[in-house]
């Protein structure tokens, strides 16, 4: 009897289970970003601290990303990657979502 309850509880958790990775950000502000004009401080003001920081070819790269999934239904994903030049100005950026 206890095994059946445990199995039912596990099954229930699987059916209603969901998860999130990353940190949500306001994607409506992406249109404000202009290559060779927008500064790192402006990006920080609009989107907050990035989910990930790194470098690419010695340039600073910030990533804003959130991924959600559900056991039933389709998950959602959106990501913004921004590359800054040596003067901390946006060199390039890319936004993707589903």
Protein backbone atom coordinates (compact mmCIF):
# COMPACT_ATOMS: atom_id res chain seq x y z
CA UNK A 1 0.00 0.00 0.00
CA UNK A 2 2.82 2.41 0.85
CA UNK A 3 4.55 1.61 -2.43
CA UNK A 4 1.40 2.48 -4.37
CA UNK A 5 1.17 5.87 -2.62
CA UNK A 6 4.80 6.62 -3.34
CA UNK A 7 4.36 5.67 -7.00
CA UNK A 8 1.26 7.84 -7.27
CA UNK A 9 3.11 10.78 -5.70
CA UNK A 10 6.04 10.36 -8.10
CA UNK A 11 3.66 10.15 -11.05
CA UNK A 12 1.82 13.27 -9.88
CA UNK A 13 5.10 15.21 -9.56
CA UNK A 14 6.06 14.16 -13.09
CA UNK A 15 2.74 15.24 -14.58
CA UNK A 16 2.65 18.68 -12.97
CA UNK A 17 6.42 19.13 -12.93
CA UNK A 18 8.04 22.15 -14.46
CA UNK A 19 11.33 23.97 -14.19
CA UNK A 20 13.19 27.15 -14.99
CA UNK A 21 16.84 27.81 -15.74
CA UNK A 22 18.27 31.31 -16.02
CA UNK A 23 16.91 34.69 -15.12
CA UNK A 24 14.00 36.41 -16.87
CA UNK A 25 14.59 39.79 -18.53
CA UNK A 26 12.46 42.48 -20.20
CA UNK A 27 12.71 41.61 -23.89
CA UNK A 28 10.64 44.69 -24.88
CA UNK A 29 13.77 46.82 -24.35
CA UNK A 30 15.88 44.94 -26.92
CA UNK A 31 14.91 47.43 -29.62
CA UNK A 32 16.79 50.11 -27.64
CA UNK A 33 20.13 48.36 -28.22
CA UNK A 34 22.15 49.94 -31.02
CA UNK A 35 25.48 48.53 -32.14
CA UNK A 36 28.37 51.01 -31.78
CA UNK A 37 26.23 53.37 -29.64
CA UNK A 38 24.72 51.61 -26.59
CA UNK A 39 27.01 51.44 -23.56
CA UNK A 40 27.48 48.62 -21.09
CA UNK A 41 26.01 50.82 -18.33
CA UNK A 42 22.84 51.35 -20.37
CA UNK A 43 22.48 47.60 -20.90
CA UNK A 44 22.98 47.04 -17.18
CA UNK A 45 20.30 49.63 -16.42
CA UNK A 46 17.79 48.09 -18.88
CA UNK A 47 18.35 44.38 -18.18
CA UNK A 48 20.17 44.14 -14.86
CA UNK A 49 23.04 41.81 -14.06
CA UNK A 50 23.53 39.21 -16.81
CA UNK A 51 22.87 35.51 -16.22
CA UNK A 52 26.32 34.69 -17.65
CA UNK A 53 29.48 36.67 -18.34
CA UNK A 54 32.39 35.62 -20.49
CA UNK A 55 34.80 36.65 -23.22
CA UNK A 56 35.03 36.03 -26.93
CA UNK A 57 38.19 37.04 -28.79
CA UNK A 58 39.15 39.18 -25.75
CA UNK A 59 35.83 41.07 -25.84
CA UNK A 60 33.37 41.00 -22.93
CA UNK A 61 30.22 38.99 -23.63
CA UNK A 62 27.04 39.10 -21.55
CA UNK A 63 24.23 36.57 -21.81
CA UNK A 64 20.67 37.04 -20.61
CA UNK A 65 18.72 33.80 -20.79
CA UNK A 66 15.67 32.03 -19.41
CA UNK A 67 14.41 28.56 -20.29
CA UNK A 68 11.27 27.00 -18.86
CA UNK A 69 9.86 23.55 -19.40
CA UNK A 70 6.81 21.59 -18.36
CA UNK A 71 5.96 17.91 -18.26
CA UNK A 72 2.79 18.75 -20.20
CA UNK A 73 2.85 21.44 -22.86
CA UNK A 74 5.61 23.32 -24.58
CA UNK A 75 8.38 25.11 -22.75
CA UNK A 76 9.62 28.59 -23.56
CA UNK A 77 13.08 29.94 -24.20
CA UNK A 78 14.58 33.35 -24.83
CA UNK A 79 18.16 34.53 -24.90
CA UNK A 80 20.07 37.73 -25.53
CA UNK A 81 23.83 37.72 -26.16
CA UNK A 82 25.70 41.02 -26.22
CA UNK A 83 29.34 41.52 -27.23
CA UNK A 84 31.08 44.69 -26.04
CA UNK A 85 34.14 46.34 -27.58
CA UNK A 86 37.21 47.52 -25.68
CA UNK A 87 35.40 50.79 -24.80
CA UNK A 88 32.42 48.89 -23.28
CA UNK A 89 30.13 49.81 -26.17
CA UNK A 90 27.89 47.21 -27.84
CA UNK A 91 29.80 45.70 -30.75
CA UNK A 92 27.09 43.15 -31.67
CA UNK A 93 24.01 41.54 -30.17
CA UNK A 94 21.62 38.69 -30.91
CA UNK A 95 18.16 37.84 -29.54
CA UNK A 96 16.35 34.53 -29.96
CA UNK A 97 13.06 33.22 -28.59
CA UNK A 98 10.47 30.56 -29.31
